[in-house]
C-alpha atoms as a PDB file:
ATOM      1  CA  UNK A   1     -27.012   7.464  -3.892  1.00  0.00           C
ATOM      2  CA  UNK A   2     -25.350   4.290  -4.229  1.00  0.00           C
ATOM      3  CA  UNK A   3     -22.940   2.926  -1.377  1.00  0.00           C
ATOM      4  CA  UNK A   4     -19.621  -0.163  -1.880  1.00  0.00           C
ATOM      5  CA  UNK A   5     -17.425  -1.217   0.820  1.00  0.00           C
ATOM      6  CA  UNK A   6     -13.799  -1.284   0.316  1.00  0.00           C
ATOM      7  CA  UNK A   7     -11.053  -2.945   2.496  1.00  0.00           C
ATOM      8  CA  UNK A   8      -8.279  -2.367   1.371  1.00  0.00           C
ATOM      9  CA  UNK A   9      -4.971  -5.016   1.720  1.00  0.00           C
ATOM     10  CA  UNK A  10      -5.808  -5.682   5.128  1.00  0.00           C
ATOM     11  CA  UNK A  11      -3.220  -7.966   4.759  1.00  0.00           C
ATOM     12  CA  UNK A  12      -1.009 -10.800   6.782  1.00  0.00           C
ATOM     13  CA  UNK A  13       2.544  -9.493   4.626  1.00  0.00           C
ATOM     14  CA  UNK A  14       1.192  -6.032   6.948  1.00  0.00           C
ATOM     15  CA  UNK A  15       0.573  -7.522  10.329  1.00  0.00           C
ATOM     16  CA  UNK A  16       3.868  -5.778  12.133  1.00  0.00           C
ATOM     17  CA  UNK A  17       5.277  -3.687  14.509  1.00  0.00           C
ATOM     18  CA  UNK A  18       2.906  -0.587  14.744  1.00  0.00           C
ATOM     19  CA  UNK A  19       0.568  -2.049  11.602  1.00  0.00           C
ATOM     20  CA  UNK A  20      -0.315  -4.798  13.676  1.00  0.00           C
ATOM     21  CA  UNK A  21      -1.736  -3.119  16.477  1.00  0.00           C
ATOM     22  CA  UNK A  22      -3.355  -1.076  14.325  1.00  0.00           C
ATOM     23  CA  UNK A  23      -4.769  -3.602  12.510  1.00  0.00           C
ATOM     24  CA  UNK A  24      -6.204  -5.072  16.023  1.00  0.00           C
ATOM     25  CA  UNK A  25      -8.013  -1.768  16.489  1.00  0.00           C
ATOM     26  CA  UNK A  26      -9.310  -1.131  13.155  1.00  0.00           C
ATOM     27  CA  UNK A  27     -10.737  -4.218  12.737  1.00  0.00           C
ATOM     28  CA  UNK A  28     -13.959  -4.323  14.917  1.00  0.00           C
ATOM     29  CA  UNK A  29     -15.061  -1.484  12.618  1.00  0.00           C
ATOM     30  CA  UNK A  30     -14.582  -3.276   9.386  1.00  0.00           C
ATOM     31  CA  UNK A  31     -16.040  -6.120   9.963  1.00  0.00           C
ATOM     32  CA  UNK A  32     -19.192  -4.237  12.033  1.00  0.00           C
ATOM     33  CA  UNK A  33     -18.831  -2.209   8.414  1.00  0.00           C
ATOM     34  CA  UNK A  34     -19.735  -5.678   5.765  1.00  0.00           C
ATOM     35  CA  UNK A  35     -22.231  -7.160   8.565  1.00  0.00           C
ATOM     36  CA  UNK A  36     -24.230  -3.144   7.390  1.00  0.00           C
ATOM     37  CA  UNK A  37     -22.840  -3.719   3.653  1.00  0.00           C
ATOM     38  CA  UNK A  38     -24.031  -7.881   4.316  1.00  0.00           C
ATOM     39  CA  UNK A  39     -27.980  -7.179   5.584  1.00  0.00           C
ATOM     40  CA  UNK A  40     -27.832  -4.232   3.661  1.00  0.00           C
ATOM     41  CA  UNK A  41     -26.912  -5.994  -0.149  1.00  0.00           C
ATOM     42  CA  UNK A  42     -24.381  -3.031  -1.188  1.00  0.00           C
ATOM     43  CA  UNK A  43     -20.569  -4.125  -3.009  1.00  0.00           C
ATOM     44  CA  UNK A  44     -17.716  -5.013  -0.258  1.00  0.00           C
ATOM     45  CA  UNK A  45     -14.919  -4.905  -2.525  1.00  0.00           C
ATOM     46  CA  UNK A  46     -11.742  -7.032  -1.547  1.00  0.00           C
ATOM     47  CA  UNK A  47      -8.190  -4.891  -2.163  1.00  0.00           C
ATOM     48  CA  UNK A  48      -5.281  -6.463  -2.106  1.00  0.00           C
ATOM     49  CA  UNK A  49      -1.328  -5.743  -2.865  1.00  0.00           C
ATOM     50  CA  UNK A  50       0.458  -7.170  -4.580  1.00  0.00           C
ATOM     51  CA  UNK A  51       3.917  -7.066  -4.740  1.00  0.00           C
ATOM     52  CA  UNK A  52       6.735  -9.268  -6.496  1.00  0.00           C
ATOM     53  CA  UNK A  53       9.975  -7.324  -5.400  1.00  0.00           C
ATOM     54  CA  UNK A  54       9.126  -8.727  -1.215  1.00  0.00           C
ATOM     55  CA  UNK A  55       7.690 -12.390  -1.976  1.00  0.00           C
ATOM     56  CA  UNK A  56       3.953 -10.409  -1.829  1.00  0.00           C
ATOM     57  CA  UNK A  57       2.086 -12.235  -4.533  1.00  0.00           C
ATOM     58  CA  UNK A  58      -1.499 -14.682  -4.671  1.00  0.00           C
ATOM     59  CA  UNK A  59      -0.332 -18.494  -2.578  1.00  0.00           C
ATOM     60  CA  UNK A  60       1.375 -17.248   0.198  1.00  0.00           C
ATOM     61  CA  UNK A  61       1.332 -16.859   3.094  1.00  0.00           C
ATOM     62  CA  UNK A  62       2.350 -12.741   2.872  1.00  0.00           C
ATOM     63  CA  UNK A  63      -0.793 -11.707   0.655  1.00  0.00           C
ATOM     64  CA  UNK A  64      -3.480 -13.248   2.595  1.00  0.00           C
ATOM     65  CA  UNK A  65      -5.814 -11.096   4.626  1.00  0.00           C
ATOM     66  CA  UNK A  66      -5.274 -11.302   8.161  1.00  0.00           C
ATOM     67  CA  UNK A  67      -6.926 -12.822  10.622  1.00  0.00           C
ATOM     68  CA  UNK A  68     -10.483 -11.882  11.763  1.00  0.00           C
ATOM     69  CA  UNK A  69     -11.966 -10.339   7.485  1.00  0.00           C
ATOM     70  CA  UNK A  70     -13.686 -13.605   5.603  1.00  0.00           C
ATOM     71  CA  UNK A  71     -14.537 -12.285   2.140  1.00  0.00           C
ATOM     72  CA  UNK A  72     -18.206 -14.089   0.742  1.00  0.00           C
ATOM     73  CA  UNK A  73     -17.025 -15.564  -2.458  1.00  0.00           C
ATOM     74  CA  UNK A  74     -19.912 -14.028  -3.930  1.00  0.00           C
ATOM     75  CA  UNK A  75     -17.659 -10.139  -2.785  1.00  0.00           C
ATOM     76  CA  UNK A  76     -15.758  -8.700  -5.911  1.00  0.00           C
ATOM     77  CA  UNK A  77     -11.836  -8.938  -4.935  1.00  0.00           C
ATOM     78  CA  UNK A  78      -9.174  -6.535  -7.027  1.00  0.00           C
ATOM     79  CA  UNK A  79      -5.206  -7.057  -7.006  1.00  0.00           C
ATOM     80  CA  UNK A  80      -3.334  -3.711  -7.211  1.00  0.00           C
ATOM     81  CA  UNK A  81       0.166  -3.206  -7.495  1.00  0.00           C
ATOM     82  CA  UNK A  82      -0.186   0.659  -7.008  1.00  0.00           C
ATOM     83  CA  UNK A  83      -0.918   2.142  -3.320  1.00  0.00           C
ATOM     84  CA  UNK A  84      -4.170   3.872  -5.799  1.00  0.00           C
ATOM     85  CA  UNK A  85      -6.378   0.596  -5.566  1.00  0.00           C
ATOM     86  CA  UNK A  86      -8.596   2.566  -8.492  1.00  0.00           C
ATOM     87  CA  UNK A  87      -4.576   2.443 -11.054  1.00  0.00           C
ATOM     88  CA  UNK A  88      -4.406  -0.391 -13.740  1.00  0.00           C
ATOM     89  CA  UNK A  89      -7.368  -2.412 -12.352  1.00  0.00           C
ATOM     90  CA  UNK A  90     -10.854  -3.367 -12.320  1.00  0.00           C
ATOM     91  CA  UNK A  91     -12.261  -0.841  -8.588  1.00  0.00           C
ATOM     92  CA  UNK A  92     -13.939   1.429 -11.804  1.00  0.00           C
ATOM     93  CA  UNK A  93     -15.616  -0.717 -14.586  1.00  0.00           C
ATOM     94  CA  UNK A  94     -16.362  -2.800 -11.404  1.00  0.00           C
ATOM     95  CA  UNK A  95     -17.811   0.839 -10.005  1.00  0.00           C
ATOM     96  CA  UNK A  96     -19.846   1.204 -12.736  1.00  0.00           C
ATOM     97  CA  UNK A  97     -21.538  -0.890 -13.793  1.00  0.00           C
ATOM     98  CA  UNK A  98     -22.872  -1.100 -10.617  1.00  0.00           C
ATOM     99  CA  UNK A  99     -23.295   2.304 -10.002  1.00  0.00           C
ATOM    100  CA  UNK A 100     -21.979   2.601  -7.768  1.00  0.00           C
ATOM    101  CA  UNK A 101     -21.088   6.170  -6.342  1.00  0.00           C
ATOM    102  CA  UNK A 102     -20.040   6.425  -3.087  1.00  0.00           C
ATOM    103  CA  UNK A 103     -17.413   4.251  -1.574  1.00  0.00           C
ATOM    104  CA  UNK A 104     -16.564   3.542   2.723  1.00  0.00           C
ATOM    105  CA  UNK A 105     -12.556   3.076   2.404  1.00  0.00           C
ATOM    106  CA  UNK A 106     -11.107   0.991   4.845  1.00  0.00           C
ATOM    107  CA  UNK A 107      -7.908  -0.514   5.690  1.00  0.00           C
ATOM    108  CA  UNK A 108      -4.513  -0.242   5.676  1.00  0.00           C
ATOM    109  CA  UNK A 109      -1.722   1.798   5.115  1.00  0.00           C
ATOM    110  CA  UNK A 110      -3.514   5.044   6.158  1.00  0.00           C
ATOM    111  CA  UNK A 111      -1.091   8.072   3.667  1.00  0.00           C
ATOM    112  CA  UNK A 112      -0.308   5.475   0.881  1.00  0.00           C
ATOM    113  CA  UNK A 113      -3.436   3.437  -0.224  1.00  0.00           C
ATOM    114  CA  UNK A 114      -5.537   5.078   1.325  1.00  0.00           C
ATOM    115  CA  UNK A 115      -4.968   8.119   0.462  1.00  0.00           C
ATOM    116  CA  UNK A 116      -4.081   7.195  -2.999  1.00  0.00           C
ATOM    117  CA  UNK A 117      -7.075   5.751  -3.361  1.00  0.00           C
ATOM    118  CA  UNK A 118      -9.361   8.830  -1.553  1.00  0.00           C
ATOM    119  CA  UNK A 119      -7.410  10.510  -4.098  1.00  0.00           C
ATOM    120  CA  UNK A 120      -8.717   8.500  -7.253  1.00  0.00           C
ATOM    121  CA  UNK A 121     -11.906   8.120  -5.999  1.00  0.00           C
ATOM    122  CA  UNK A 122     -11.658  11.759  -6.663  1.00  0.00           C
ATOM    123  CA  UNK A 123     -10.480  11.514  -9.784  1.00  0.00           C
ATOM    124  CA  UNK A 124     -13.219   9.675 -10.349  1.00  0.00           C
ATOM    125  CA  UNK A 125     -16.453  12.181  -9.366  1.00  0.00           C
ATOM    126  CA  UNK A 126     -17.119   9.260  -6.821  1.00  0.00           C
ATOM    127  CA  UNK A 127     -17.552   9.991  -3.641  1.00  0.00           C
ATOM    128  CA  UNK A 128     -15.277   8.853  -1.069  1.00  0.00           C
ATOM    129  CA  UNK A 129     -15.305   8.149   3.139  1.00  0.00           C
ATOM    130  CA  UNK A 130     -13.370   7.223   5.557  1.00  0.00           C
ATOM    131  CA  UNK A 131     -14.546   5.114   7.970  1.00  0.00           C
ATOM    132  CA  UNK A 132     -13.327   6.594  11.093  1.00  0.00           C
ATOM    133  CA  UNK A 133     -11.298   4.147  14.271  1.00  0.00           C
ATOM    134  CA  UNK A 134     -11.485   1.506  10.463  1.00  0.00           C
ATOM    135  CA  UNK A 135      -7.384   2.675   9.032  1.00  0.00           C
ATOM    136  CA  UNK A 136      -4.480   1.861  10.543  1.00  0.00           C
ATOM    137  CA  UNK A 137      -1.049   2.446   9.819  1.00  0.00           C
ATOM    138  CA  UNK A 138       3.206   1.778  11.192  1.00  0.00           C
ATOM    139  CA  UNK A 139       2.226   4.814  13.321  1.00  0.00           C
ATOM    140  CA  UNK A 140      -1.251   7.122  15.109  1.00  0.00           C
ATOM    141  CA  UNK A 141      -0.105   9.436  13.725  1.00  0.00           C
ATOM    142  CA  UNK A 142      -0.503   8.905  10.271  1.00  0.00           C
ATOM    143  CA  UNK A 143      -3.758   7.757  10.692  1.00  0.00           C
ATOM    144  CA  UNK A 144      -4.504  11.287  12.674  1.00  0.00           C
ATOM    145  CA  UNK A 145      -3.245  13.509   9.836  1.00  0.00           C
ATOM    146  CA  UNK A 146      -5.773  11.363   7.151  1.00  0.00           C
ATOM    147  CA  UNK A 147      -8.815  11.269   8.728  1.00  0.00           C
ATOM    148  CA  UNK A 148      -8.194  14.455   8.979  1.00  0.00           C
ATOM    149  CA  UNK A 149      -7.761  15.368   5.539  1.00  0.00           C
ATOM    150  CA  UNK A 150     -10.491  13.867   4.488  1.00  0.00           C
ATOM    151  CA  UNK A 151     -13.852  12.578   4.035  1.00  0.00           C
ATOM    152  CA  UNK A 152     -15.373  10.495   7.694  1.00  0.00           C
ATOM    153  CA  UNK A 153     -18.475   9.056   9.076  1.00  0.00           C
ATOM    154  CA  UNK A 154     -18.810   7.226  12.655  1.00  0.00           C
ATOM    155  CA  UNK A 155     -19.987   3.128  12.151  1.00  0.00           C
ATOM    156  CA  UNK A 156     -23.172   4.814  14.283  1.00  0.00           C
ATOM    157  CA  UNK A 157     -23.900   7.050  11.248  1.00  0.00           C
ATOM    158  CA  UNK A 158     -23.221   4.727   8.575  1.00  0.00           C
ATOM    159  CA  UNK A 159     -25.376   2.391  10.087  1.00  0.00           C
ATOM    160  CA  UNK A 160     -28.578   5.021  10.549  1.00  0.00           C
ATOM    161  CA  UNK A 161     -27.482   5.842   6.891  1.00  0.00           C
ATOM    162  CA  UNK A 162     -28.261   2.320   6.470  1.00  0.00           C
ATOM    163  CA  UNK A 163     -31.247   1.728   8.171  1.00  0.00           C
END
């Protein structure tokens, strides 16, 4: 099993209303997972949404990751324009080049980009797993729905697996 961590759309454009509260709750789990992946030299993939009609484009404040998330220069960055992070991006090529077969998925928005990427991973015969308490969304119910629908792992179990 070769793991990679996906951090999806934790951007300033979405840091408002309940999205802000849920991102604040998720960031501790995401950062802990980042620390585990860096320590074990497993890939971390930072995915950001670009939407020109909403002025969420590279170089704008809205495009930036929320405060508290800091990618390293050597970590993979993907820009996407669709909910599914595999759609018209280099994500699948990167995964194949690095022989990755299992994706630990975190980020925003639970019922759109997270669920679409989860399904996209399954469509490519990969094993997607949601990291519990690392999702953000516009409602608490959406996070609960996705965590109940999908395969999940707790941070403590992930930590044990990565020892």
